[in-house]
Amino acid sequence: MTAPTPPGAVLETALYVDDLDAAARFYGDIVGLREHQRAPGRHLFMRAETAMLMLFVAEATEEPSEGKFPVPPHGARGPGHVCFRISPGETEAWARHLAAHDVTVEADFHWPNGVRSLYVRDPAQNSVEFAEAKLWDFDT
């Protein structure tokens, strides 16, 4: 039996938040993602090009969903992490943009391969990183 082709990318990433409106302001107004779907009190899905950032209220997803979407229960406690790929040469522009929105850069780190990462916290205290794709030796 031939193995299937390995996945080519991460399609969706989930973080857990306690305030969907605050998450929408952070990821929409500051980060620039587009709201795709919202279920009040349960989740907010934000689109980043060809990937989805799924923001869930953990307590609301600890029970299986009902109806036509039988998604298994899930949830997490404590902060998670996501890294957004930014365009080459735009790290400083992102640092200025975040500062203009009163978002504190928690860490401004230069990796051994020369890539610079900016780390901030979202309103739920998740670690949010901004870095160029070459952080992982990706061409784009």
Protein backbone atom coordinates (compact mmCIF):
# COMPACT_ATOMS: atom_id res chain seq x y z
CA MET A 1 0.00 0.00 0.00
CA THR A 2 1.37 3.40 -0.98
CA ALA A 3 1.40 6.07 1.72
CA PRO A 4 -0.54 9.25 1.01
CA THR A 5 1.23 12.50 0.23
CA PRO A 6 2.34 14.22 3.46
CA PRO A 7 0.46 17.39 4.41
CA GLY A 8 1.74 20.49 2.63
CA ALA A 9 0.73 23.08 5.22
CA VAL A 10 -1.14 23.66 8.45
CA LEU A 11 -4.75 24.40 7.51
CA GLU A 12 -5.96 25.61 10.88
CA THR A 13 -4.57 26.45 14.30
CA ALA A 14 -6.60 26.79 17.50
CA LEU A 15 -6.02 29.09 20.42
CA TYR A 16 -8.24 29.47 23.46
CA VAL A 17 -9.50 32.84 24.62
CA ASP A 18 -11.91 34.15 27.22
CA ASP A 19 -13.22 37.23 25.35
CA LEU A 20 -14.16 36.84 21.69
CA ASP A 21 -14.68 40.58 21.18
CA ALA A 22 -11.20 41.39 22.53
CA ALA A 23 -9.77 38.62 20.32
CA ALA A 24 -11.60 40.05 17.29
CA ARG A 25 -10.15 43.50 17.94
CA PHE A 26 -6.61 42.13 18.38
CA TYR A 27 -6.54 39.67 15.48
CA GLY A 28 -8.73 41.79 13.19
CA ASP A 29 -7.88 45.43 13.88
CA ILE A 30 -4.22 45.00 14.84
CA VAL A 31 -2.99 41.82 13.14
CA GLY A 32 -5.19 42.36 10.08
CA LEU A 33 -6.91 38.99 9.78
CA ARG A 34 -10.41 38.81 8.34
CA GLU A 35 -13.29 37.48 10.42
CA HIS A 36 -14.70 34.38 8.74
CA GLN A 37 -17.22 33.02 11.23
CA ARG A 38 -18.44 33.71 14.74
CA ALA A 39 -20.64 31.75 17.14
CA PRO A 40 -21.27 34.05 20.13
CA GLY A 41 -19.90 32.60 23.35
CA ARG A 42 -18.20 29.70 21.54
CA HIS A 43 -15.78 30.60 18.75
CA LEU A 44 -14.38 33.11 16.31
CA PHE A 45 -12.63 31.98 13.13
CA MET A 46 -10.18 34.40 11.49
CA ARG A 47 -8.69 33.93 8.02
CA ALA A 48 -4.98 34.37 7.28
CA GLU A 49 -4.55 33.89 3.52
CA THR A 50 -4.98 30.11 3.13
CA ALA A 51 -5.12 29.19 6.82
CA MET A 52 -7.62 29.65 9.61
CA LEU A 53 -6.93 30.84 13.14
CA MET A 54 -9.66 29.31 15.26
CA LEU A 55 -10.27 31.12 18.54
CA PHE A 56 -12.36 29.11 20.99
CA VAL A 57 -13.78 29.75 24.43
CA ALA A 58 -12.41 26.60 26.13
CA GLU A 59 -15.39 26.02 28.41
CA ALA A 60 -17.75 26.07 25.43
CA THR A 61 -15.82 23.39 23.54
CA GLU A 62 -15.34 20.90 26.36
CA GLU A 63 -18.65 19.29 25.41
CA PRO A 64 -19.21 17.73 21.97
CA SER A 65 -20.93 20.02 19.49
CA GLU A 66 -24.47 19.19 18.52
CA GLY A 67 -26.24 19.11 15.21
CA LYS A 68 -24.71 18.52 11.82
CA PHE A 69 -21.11 19.27 12.90
CA PRO A 70 -20.12 16.50 15.36
CA VAL A 71 -16.70 17.92 16.27
CA PRO A 72 -15.12 16.07 19.21
CA PRO A 73 -14.76 18.00 22.46
CA HIS A 74 -11.51 19.87 22.98
CA GLY A 75 -10.12 22.71 25.01
CA ALA A 76 -6.96 23.85 26.70
CA ARG A 77 -5.96 25.83 29.73
CA GLY A 78 -3.15 28.32 29.79
CA PRO A 79 -1.53 30.28 27.01
CA GLY A 80 -0.79 28.83 23.61
CA HIS A 81 1.47 30.01 20.80
CA VAL A 82 1.08 30.99 17.17
CA CYS A 83 3.63 32.46 14.77
CA PHE A 84 2.51 34.60 11.83
CA ARG A 85 4.64 34.64 8.69
CA ILE A 86 5.39 38.24 7.76
CA SER A 87 6.80 39.62 4.53
CA PRO A 88 10.59 39.79 4.20
CA GLY A 89 12.01 43.04 5.50
CA GLU A 90 8.86 44.09 7.38
CA THR A 91 9.84 43.19 10.95
CA GLU A 92 10.59 46.79 11.88
CA ALA A 93 7.33 47.96 10.29
CA TRP A 94 5.50 45.41 12.43
CA ALA A 95 7.32 46.62 15.54
CA ARG A 96 6.16 50.19 14.81
CA HIS A 97 2.61 49.03 13.99
CA LEU A 98 2.32 47.09 17.24
CA ALA A 99 3.68 50.02 19.26
CA ALA A 100 1.19 52.36 17.57
CA HIS A 101 -1.59 50.08 18.85
CA ASP A 102 -0.12 49.99 22.39
CA VAL A 103 0.85 46.33 22.02
CA THR A 104 3.97 45.64 24.07
CA VAL A 105 6.69 43.60 22.38
CA GLU A 106 7.57 41.03 25.03
CA ALA A 107 10.67 39.79 23.20
CA ASP A 108 12.57 41.03 20.16
CA PHE A 109 14.88 38.16 19.31
CA HIS A 110 17.50 37.59 16.60
CA TRP A 111 17.89 33.88 15.81
CA PRO A 112 21.27 32.35 14.88
CA ASN A 113 20.19 32.25 11.21
CA GLY A 114 19.68 36.04 11.24
CA VAL A 115 15.89 36.06 11.42
CA ARG A 116 14.29 38.44 13.88
CA SER A 117 11.14 37.44 15.80
CA LEU A 118 8.76 39.73 17.63
CA TYR A 119 6.74 38.23 20.47
CA VAL A 120 3.62 39.84 21.94
CA ARG A 121 0.65 38.67 24.01
CA ASP A 122 -2.94 38.70 22.82
CA PRO A 123 -5.73 39.72 25.24
CA ALA A 124 -5.97 36.10 26.50
CA GLN A 125 -2.18 36.01 27.12
CA ASN A 126 -1.41 33.66 24.21
CA SER A 127 2.11 34.12 22.83
CA VAL A 128 1.92 35.63 19.35
CA GLU A 129 5.07 35.68 17.23
CA PHE A 130 5.78 37.55 13.98
CA ALA A 131 8.67 36.23 11.84
CA GLU A 132 9.78 35.78 8.25
CA ALA A 133 9.42 32.32 6.67
CA LYS A 134 13.19 31.94 6.48
CA LEU A 135 13.07 31.35 10.25
CA TRP A 136 12.47 27.72 9.23
CA ASP A 137 14.42 27.93 5.95
CA PHE A 138 11.24 28.29 3.88
CA ASP A 139 11.65 30.27 0.67
CA THR A 140 8.41 32.20 1.08
